[in-house]
Each structure stands twice: as structure tokens, then as C-alpha cells.
Amino acid sequence: MPESPKIRLFSAAELAEEQRRGALILDTRPAEQFASLHIRGSIQISLMGHFAAWAAILINPGQKLVLIAEDEKHAHEAQNRLARVGVQLILGYSLPDEQAWRKEGFDLTSIPTHRVATVAPILQSEPRLQFIDVRSRAEWLRGHLPGAISLPLLDLDAAGARLPPSRQNLVYCHEGYRATTAASILLRENAGEVGILLDGIEGWCASGLPLENS
């Protein structure tokens, strides 16, 4: 398949206008960059993984998109990979620019990120902590974090999934890729507390901690 035409760079003002017109902001940056600061309501799917496959599953092919990318090279890569799976309504891309975003009045937010080494010691003293496993059901049945609930990323639709009320929700997968995408989708539909356990099951097992199988 030939490469797509060169994607156009949007200013922050143009990005704001397209969002008002109904375009979805798809943030393609890595998990920790997205979590540190992003535009509220955007969905994150990082280029550093099965980007196109997840985009084909999670994004309506009729949805107009504006990409957030680290630079022009990454934006063009995202455009080409999306085109191969039929996601083609990409209006342009914009670069992360906190000062410009604030000037245009974007609602900016962040997502707390954690690792097993800092979370495990506080489990007994923090009863509000709720693990949310966004892996597939088959992965869940092979073992999951104690007390976790299952909300597979594949099942998160446009209506969203409701988070447990009055809980501090910590989303995890195997090693963080799907967890960040799931957290971004959940936060579009929920106002609750959501964090990401970046090292997920991988970090949990590496620390010698037990899993549940029920």
C-alpha cells in the first residue's frame, strides 16, 4: 500500500476548533508522557505497540481524528499504520504544547502512575484501592491481582464502563500498554479516581507476590 499524503500540522487553535466540531483527539505518545499531561477526553493508543490493531478495534472508522504526536515523523507513521486498517479520516496532527493548550482553554489533566514496588506496601492500609484488570478474560482466568475486577479493554465500548464508586481505581494489564489506553477511555465516561499500574502483572510476579485464580 502506498504511503498516505503528508499529514498537516495543526496549531493549538485549529486543534481546539476541530475538537469543538466533534473530532476525536487520538494521543499516540508513550504511556508516561500521556499520563503526565494530556487533553481531557482524548484517547491514548501508543505507537510503541500494536497501535493499528487496537485503533481498528476501538475507533469507529467513520470518526474524524486529530493526532497528538511527538513529532512529524511519528505523526506520519501513525497515519500510515491507521490507513492500513481502514482508519483514514485523519484531519491533521498537533504537537504537545502545554502553554499553547492552556492559552486556547483546553481542559488539561494527568493520570497518576504507579509501580508495584510502591503500591504493594500500602495495600493493607488503603481499603479504597481497587485493581481493575483490563486484560482478556482468558488472561484473567490464568491469574490476576488479589481483589481485582475484570473490565477487558476489548469490551470497553462508546458507552464506557462504570467504575466502582468511591474507590481509588488502579488499572493494569500485563505491562502497562493496554492499561493506559483503557484508563483514557474510562476517564471519558467517569469522574472517579483512576491511576495506572505501569508494570502490571509482570511487575507483580517479578516481586514474588501471589495471584488469585478465582
C-alpha atoms as a PDB file:
ATOM      1  CA  MET A   1       0.000   0.000   0.000  1.00  0.00           C
ATOM      2  CA  PRO A   2       1.432   3.449  -0.931  1.00  0.00           C
ATOM      3  CA  GLU A   3       2.064   5.948   1.827  1.00  0.00           C
ATOM      4  CA  SER A   4      -0.656   8.449   2.689  1.00  0.00           C
ATOM      5  CA  PRO A   5      -0.275  12.109   1.659  1.00  0.00           C
ATOM      6  CA  LYS A   6       1.742  14.247   4.047  1.00  0.00           C
ATOM      7  CA  ILE A   7      -0.268  14.959   7.175  1.00  0.00           C
ATOM      8  CA  ARG A   8      -0.892  18.604   8.084  1.00  0.00           C
ATOM      9  CA  LEU A   9       0.314  20.213  11.306  1.00  0.00           C
ATOM     10  CA  PHE A  10      -2.474  21.914  13.287  1.00  0.00           C
ATOM     11  CA  SER A  11      -1.941  24.813  15.628  1.00  0.00           C
ATOM     12  CA  ALA A  12      -3.463  24.615  19.101  1.00  0.00           C
ATOM     13  CA  ALA A  13      -6.257  26.926  17.905  1.00  0.00           C
ATOM     14  CA  GLU A  14      -7.038  24.657  14.950  1.00  0.00           C
ATOM     15  CA  LEU A  15      -6.977  21.631  17.226  1.00  0.00           C
ATOM     16  CA  ALA A  16      -9.474  23.306  19.564  1.00  0.00           C
ATOM     17  CA  GLU A  17     -11.766  24.134  16.645  1.00  0.00           C
ATOM     18  CA  GLU A  18     -11.743  20.567  15.330  1.00  0.00           C
ATOM     19  CA  GLN A  19     -12.479  19.210  18.799  1.00  0.00           C
ATOM     20  CA  ARG A  20     -15.481  21.545  19.033  1.00  0.00           C
ATOM     21  CA  ARG A  21     -16.661  20.174  15.691  1.00  0.00           C
ATOM     22  CA  GLY A  22     -16.607  16.641  17.061  1.00  0.00           C
ATOM     23  CA  ALA A  23     -13.193  15.318  16.104  1.00  0.00           C
ATOM     24  CA  LEU A  24     -11.674  12.772  18.475  1.00  0.00           C
ATOM     25  CA  ILE A  25      -8.186  13.511  19.738  1.00  0.00           C
ATOM     26  CA  LEU A  26      -6.039  10.380  19.478  1.00  0.00           C
ATOM     27  CA  ASP A  27      -2.858  10.733  21.509  1.00  0.00           C
ATOM     28  CA  THR A  28      -0.117   8.463  20.174  1.00  0.00           C
ATOM     29  CA  ARG A  29       2.584   9.287  22.719  1.00  0.00           C
ATOM     30  CA  PRO A  30       4.042   6.723  25.159  1.00  0.00           C
ATOM     31  CA  ALA A  31       2.135   5.976  28.358  1.00  0.00           C
ATOM     32  CA  GLU A  32       4.123   8.104  30.791  1.00  0.00           C
ATOM     33  CA  GLN A  33       4.141  11.148  28.506  1.00  0.00           C
ATOM     34  CA  PHE A  34       0.370  10.927  28.044  1.00  0.00           C
ATOM     35  CA  ALA A  35      -0.258  10.333  31.747  1.00  0.00           C
ATOM     36  CA  SER A  36       1.843  13.322  32.779  1.00  0.00           C
ATOM     37  CA  LEU A  37      -0.313  15.786  30.813  1.00  0.00           C
ATOM     38  CA  HIS A  38      -2.965  15.451  28.125  1.00  0.00           C
ATOM     39  CA  ILE A  39      -6.187  16.981  26.852  1.00  0.00           C
ATOM     40  CA  ARG A  40      -9.171  15.677  28.785  1.00  0.00           C
ATOM     41  CA  GLY A  41     -11.368  13.481  26.622  1.00  0.00           C
ATOM     42  CA  SER A  42      -8.580  12.285  24.356  1.00  0.00           C
ATOM     43  CA  ILE A  43      -7.897   8.581  23.837  1.00  0.00           C
ATOM     44  CA  GLN A  44      -4.362   7.247  24.100  1.00  0.00           C
ATOM     45  CA  ILE A  45      -3.018   4.420  21.938  1.00  0.00           C
ATOM     46  CA  SER A  46       0.752   4.426  21.856  1.00  0.00           C
ATOM     47  CA  LEU A  47       2.734   3.847  18.683  1.00  0.00           C
ATOM     48  CA  MET A  48       5.069   1.676  20.771  1.00  0.00           C
ATOM     49  CA  GLY A  49       2.926  -1.449  20.428  1.00  0.00           C
ATOM     50  CA  HIS A  50       0.052  -2.947  18.423  1.00  0.00           C
ATOM     51  CA  PHE A  51      -1.140   0.556  17.595  1.00  0.00           C
ATOM     52  CA  ALA A  52      -3.115  -0.040  14.403  1.00  0.00           C
ATOM     53  CA  ALA A  53      -4.755  -3.240  15.647  1.00  0.00           C
ATOM     54  CA  TRP A  54      -6.106  -1.553  18.763  1.00  0.00           C
ATOM     55  CA  ALA A  55      -7.172   1.534  16.831  1.00  0.00           C
ATOM     56  CA  ALA A  56      -9.163  -0.658  14.412  1.00  0.00           C
ATOM     57  CA  ILE A  57     -10.950  -2.260  17.359  1.00  0.00           C
ATOM     58  CA  LEU A  58     -11.578   0.818  19.480  1.00  0.00           C
ATOM     59  CA  ILE A  59     -12.193   3.614  16.960  1.00  0.00           C
ATOM     60  CA  ASN A  60     -15.168   3.909  14.625  1.00  0.00           C
ATOM     61  CA  PRO A  61     -13.752   4.160  11.068  1.00  0.00           C
ATOM     62  CA  GLY A  62     -16.220   6.999  10.429  1.00  0.00           C
ATOM     63  CA  GLN A  63     -14.845   9.063  13.320  1.00  0.00           C
ATOM     64  CA  LYS A  64     -12.771  12.109  12.368  1.00  0.00           C
ATOM     65  CA  LEU A  65      -9.447  12.215  14.196  1.00  0.00           C
ATOM     66  CA  VAL A  66      -6.721  14.661  15.101  1.00  0.00           C
ATOM     67  CA  LEU A  67      -3.493  13.039  16.274  1.00  0.00           C
ATOM     68  CA  ILE A  68      -1.223  14.171  19.074  1.00  0.00           C
ATOM     69  CA  ALA A  69       2.286  13.049  18.164  1.00  0.00           C
ATOM     70  CA  GLU A  70       5.809  13.571  19.431  1.00  0.00           C
ATOM     71  CA  ASP A  71       6.899  14.973  16.068  1.00  0.00           C
ATOM     72  CA  GLU A  72       6.092  14.940  12.344  1.00  0.00           C
ATOM     73  CA  LYS A  73       7.795  11.585  11.773  1.00  0.00           C
ATOM     74  CA  HIS A  74       5.661   9.854  14.410  1.00  0.00           C
ATOM     75  CA  ALA A  75       2.510  11.557  13.119  1.00  0.00           C
ATOM     76  CA  HIS A  76       3.139  10.298   9.587  1.00  0.00           C
ATOM     77  CA  GLU A  77       3.899   6.806  10.902  1.00  0.00           C
ATOM     78  CA  ALA A  78       0.612   6.793  12.809  1.00  0.00           C
ATOM     79  CA  GLN A  79      -1.273   7.995   9.733  1.00  0.00           C
ATOM     80  CA  ASN A  80       0.154   5.221   7.550  1.00  0.00           C
ATOM     81  CA  ARG A  81      -0.463   2.491  10.107  1.00  0.00           C
ATOM     82  CA  LEU A  82      -4.049   3.651  10.631  1.00  0.00           C
ATOM     83  CA  ALA A  83      -4.719   3.737   6.903  1.00  0.00           C
ATOM     84  CA  ARG A  84      -3.724   0.071   6.611  1.00  0.00           C
ATOM     85  CA  VAL A  85      -6.592  -0.893   8.938  1.00  0.00           C
ATOM     86  CA  GLY A  86      -9.181   1.418   7.391  1.00  0.00           C
ATOM     87  CA  VAL A  87      -8.959   4.334   9.814  1.00  0.00           C
ATOM     88  CA  GLN A  88      -8.492   7.159   7.334  1.00  0.00           C
ATOM     89  CA  LEU A  89     -10.407  10.248   8.466  1.00  0.00           C
ATOM     90  CA  ILE A  90      -7.345  11.944   9.938  1.00  0.00           C
ATOM     91  CA  LEU A  91      -7.656  15.701   9.705  1.00  0.00           C
ATOM     92  CA  GLY A  92      -4.140  16.517  10.887  1.00  0.00           C
ATOM     93  CA  TYR A  93      -1.842  16.328  13.854  1.00  0.00           C
ATOM     94  CA  SER A  94      -0.705  18.591  16.659  1.00  0.00           C
ATOM     95  CA  LEU A  95       2.337  18.619  18.898  1.00  0.00           C
ATOM     96  CA  PRO A  96       2.130  18.589  22.714  1.00  0.00           C
ATOM     97  CA  ASP A  97       2.445  22.190  23.889  1.00  0.00           C
ATOM     98  CA  GLU A  98       1.166  22.902  27.385  1.00  0.00           C
ATOM     99  CA  GLN A  99       1.478  26.674  27.095  1.00  0.00           C
ATOM    100  CA  ALA A 100      -0.414  26.824  23.790  1.00  0.00           C
ATOM    101  CA  TRP A 101      -3.038  24.361  25.019  1.00  0.00           C
ATOM    102  CA  ARG A 102      -3.706  26.440  28.122  1.00  0.00           C
ATOM    103  CA  LYS A 103      -3.901  29.622  26.027  1.00  0.00           C
ATOM    104  CA  GLU A 104      -6.649  28.002  23.929  1.00  0.00           C
ATOM    105  CA  GLY A 105      -8.557  26.963  27.048  1.00  0.00           C
ATOM    106  CA  PHE A 106      -8.128  23.199  26.780  1.00  0.00           C
ATOM    107  CA  ASP A 107      -9.093  21.234  29.868  1.00  0.00           C
ATOM    108  CA  LEU A 108      -5.796  19.554  30.716  1.00  0.00           C
ATOM    109  CA  THR A 109      -5.374  16.689  33.120  1.00  0.00           C
ATOM    110  CA  SER A 110      -2.986  13.952  34.207  1.00  0.00           C
ATOM    111  CA  ILE A 111      -3.264  10.356  35.420  1.00  0.00           C
ATOM    112  CA  PRO A 112      -1.248   9.137  38.411  1.00  0.00           C
ATOM    113  CA  THR A 113       1.142   6.332  37.535  1.00  0.00           C
ATOM    114  CA  HIS A 114       2.400   3.729  39.985  1.00  0.00           C
ATOM    115  CA  ARG A 115       4.619   0.692  40.111  1.00  0.00           C
ATOM    116  CA  VAL A 116       4.235  -2.469  42.145  1.00  0.00           C
ATOM    117  CA  ALA A 117       7.148  -1.569  44.419  1.00  0.00           C
ATOM    118  CA  THR A 118       5.279   1.490  45.729  1.00  0.00           C
ATOM    119  CA  VAL A 119       1.741   0.068  45.684  1.00  0.00           C
ATOM    120  CA  ALA A 120       2.243  -3.323  47.340  1.00  0.00           C
ATOM    121  CA  PRO A 121       3.347  -1.939  50.750  1.00  0.00           C
ATOM    122  CA  ILE A 122       0.186   0.171  51.163  1.00  0.00           C
ATOM    123  CA  LEU A 123      -2.456  -2.417  50.201  1.00  0.00           C
ATOM    124  CA  GLN A 124      -3.360  -3.307  53.783  1.00  0.00           C
ATOM    125  CA  SER A 125      -3.667   0.323  54.857  1.00  0.00           C
ATOM    126  CA  GLU A 126      -5.642   1.537  51.820  1.00  0.00           C
ATOM    127  CA  PRO A 127      -9.017  -0.264  51.692  1.00  0.00           C
ATOM    128  CA  ARG A 128     -10.294   2.079  48.964  1.00  0.00           C
ATOM    129  CA  LEU A 129      -7.775   0.783  46.433  1.00  0.00           C
ATOM    130  CA  GLN A 130      -9.480  -1.199  43.660  1.00  0.00           C
ATOM    131  CA  PHE A 131      -7.464  -3.034  40.999  1.00  0.00           C
ATOM    132  CA  ILE A 132      -9.067  -3.100  37.537  1.00  0.00           C
ATOM    133  CA  ASP A 133      -7.743  -5.779  35.181  1.00  0.00           C
ATOM    134  CA  VAL A 134      -8.195  -4.802  31.511  1.00  0.00           C
ATOM    135  CA  ARG A 135      -6.613  -7.919  30.002  1.00  0.00           C
ATOM    136  CA  SER A 136      -8.679 -10.513  28.154  1.00  0.00           C
ATOM    137  CA  ARG A 137     -10.916 -12.902  30.063  1.00  0.00           C
ATOM    138  CA  ALA A 138      -8.581 -15.801  29.211  1.00  0.00           C
ATOM    139  CA  GLU A 139      -5.631 -13.932  30.753  1.00  0.00           C
ATOM    140  CA  TRP A 140      -7.743 -13.077  33.801  1.00  0.00           C
ATOM    141  CA  LEU A 141      -8.578 -16.728  34.409  1.00  0.00           C
ATOM    142  CA  ARG A 142      -4.894 -17.669  34.417  1.00  0.00           C
ATOM    143  CA  GLY A 143      -4.336 -15.385  37.393  1.00  0.00           C
ATOM    144  CA  HIS A 144      -4.992 -11.812  38.465  1.00  0.00           C
ATOM    145  CA  LEU A 145      -4.142  -9.414  41.265  1.00  0.00           C
ATOM    146  CA  PRO A 146      -5.921 -10.118  44.566  1.00  0.00           C
ATOM    147  CA  GLY A 147      -9.323  -8.432  44.793  1.00  0.00           C
ATOM    148  CA  ALA A 148      -9.215  -7.171  41.209  1.00  0.00           C
ATOM    149  CA  ILE A 149     -12.259  -6.835  38.982  1.00  0.00           C
ATOM    150  CA  SER A 150     -12.244  -7.669  35.282  1.00  0.00           C
ATOM    151  CA  LEU A 151     -13.029  -4.961  32.682  1.00  0.00           C
ATOM    152  CA  PRO A 152     -11.387  -6.159  29.424  1.00  0.00           C
ATOM    153  CA  LEU A 153     -10.251  -3.407  27.095  1.00  0.00           C
ATOM    154  CA  LEU A 154     -11.941  -5.264  24.236  1.00  0.00           C
ATOM    155  CA  ASP A 155     -15.299  -4.777  25.969  1.00  0.00           C
ATOM    156  CA  LEU A 156     -14.991  -1.042  26.605  1.00  0.00           C
ATOM    157  CA  ASP A 157     -17.423   0.481  24.124  1.00  0.00           C
ATOM    158  CA  ALA A 158     -18.605   4.002  23.383  1.00  0.00           C
ATOM    159  CA  ALA A 159     -20.928   3.908  26.386  1.00  0.00           C
ATOM    160  CA  GLY A 160     -17.999   3.227  28.671  1.00  0.00           C
ATOM    161  CA  ALA A 161     -17.817   1.058  31.766  1.00  0.00           C
ATOM    162  CA  ARG A 162     -18.777   2.384  35.153  1.00  0.00           C
ATOM    163  CA  LEU A 163     -16.021   2.493  37.702  1.00  0.00           C
ATOM    164  CA  PRO A 164     -16.637   1.375  41.276  1.00  0.00           C
ATOM    165  CA  PRO A 165     -17.885   4.452  43.182  1.00  0.00           C
ATOM    166  CA  SER A 166     -15.815   6.000  45.961  1.00  0.00           C
ATOM    167  CA  ARG A 167     -12.803   3.850  45.157  1.00  0.00           C
ATOM    168  CA  GLN A 168      -9.267   4.654  44.128  1.00  0.00           C
ATOM    169  CA  ASN A 169      -9.118   2.666  40.890  1.00  0.00           C
ATOM    170  CA  LEU A 170      -5.797   1.327  39.653  1.00  0.00           C
ATOM    171  CA  VAL A 171      -5.894  -0.023  36.090  1.00  0.00           C
ATOM    172  CA  TYR A 172      -3.416  -2.682  34.996  1.00  0.00           C
ATOM    173  CA  CYS A 173      -2.703  -5.164  32.203  1.00  0.00           C
ATOM    174  CA  HIS A 174       0.420  -7.211  31.554  1.00  0.00           C
ATOM    175  CA  GLU A 175       2.988  -4.421  31.405  1.00  0.00           C
ATOM    176  CA  GLY A 176       1.067  -1.140  31.007  1.00  0.00           C
ATOM    177  CA  TYR A 177       0.294  -0.712  27.294  1.00  0.00           C
ATOM    178  CA  ARG A 178      -3.393  -1.637  27.381  1.00  0.00           C
ATOM    179  CA  ALA A 179      -3.848  -0.158  30.851  1.00  0.00           C
ATOM    180  CA  THR A 180      -3.064   3.361  29.658  1.00  0.00           C
ATOM    181  CA  THR A 181      -5.449   3.084  26.711  1.00  0.00           C
ATOM    182  CA  ALA A 182      -8.177   1.682  28.964  1.00  0.00           C
ATOM    183  CA  ALA A 183      -7.660   4.425  31.550  1.00  0.00           C
ATOM    184  CA  SER A 184      -8.057   7.090  28.864  1.00  0.00           C
ATOM    185  CA  ILE A 185     -11.346   5.521  27.713  1.00  0.00           C
ATOM    186  CA  LEU A 186     -12.676   5.072  31.247  1.00  0.00           C
ATOM    187  CA  LEU A 187     -11.924   8.695  32.102  1.00  0.00           C
ATOM    188  CA  ARG A 188     -14.018   9.888  29.142  1.00  0.00           C
ATOM    189  CA  GLU A 189     -17.069   8.439  30.877  1.00  0.00           C
ATOM    190  CA  ASN A 190     -16.200   8.650  34.565  1.00  0.00           C
ATOM    191  CA  ALA A 191     -15.171  11.321  37.026  1.00  0.00           C
ATOM    192  CA  GLY A 192     -13.715   8.924  39.569  1.00  0.00           C
ATOM    193  CA  GLU A 193     -10.129   8.400  40.656  1.00  0.00           C
ATOM    194  CA  VAL A 194      -8.103   6.443  38.106  1.00  0.00           C
ATOM    195  CA  GLY A 195      -4.434   5.556  38.178  1.00  0.00           C
ATOM    196  CA  ILE A 196      -2.260   3.238  36.103  1.00  0.00           C
ATOM    197  CA  LEU A 197      -0.110   0.396  37.424  1.00  0.00           C
ATOM    198  CA  LEU A 198       2.583   0.623  34.763  1.00  0.00           C
ATOM    199  CA  ASP A 199       4.352  -2.688  35.400  1.00  0.00           C
ATOM    200  CA  GLY A 200       1.110  -4.656  35.879  1.00  0.00           C
ATOM    201  CA  ILE A 201       1.093  -8.426  36.217  1.00  0.00           C
ATOM    202  CA  GLU A 202       4.684  -8.563  35.025  1.00  0.00           C
ATOM    203  CA  GLY A 203       5.901  -6.375  37.891  1.00  0.00           C
ATOM    204  CA  TRP A 204       3.655  -8.133  40.405  1.00  0.00           C
ATOM    205  CA  CYS A 205       5.041 -11.570  39.598  1.00  0.00           C
ATOM    206  CA  ALA A 206       8.617 -10.279  39.415  1.00  0.00           C
ATOM    207  CA  SER A 207       8.175  -9.062  43.003  1.00  0.00           C
ATOM    208  CA  GLY A 208       7.186 -12.569  44.123  1.00  0.00           C
ATOM    209  CA  LEU A 209       3.639 -11.575  45.035  1.00  0.00           C
ATOM    210  CA  PRO A 210       0.770 -14.102  44.765  1.00  0.00           C
ATOM    211  CA  LEU A 211      -2.008 -14.085  42.196  1.00  0.00           C
ATOM    212  CA  GLU A 212      -5.633 -15.135  42.534  1.00  0.00           C
ATOM    213  CA  ASN A 213      -7.250 -17.599  40.141  1.00  0.00           C
ATOM    214  CA  SER A 214     -10.867 -17.470  41.221  1.00  0.00           C
END
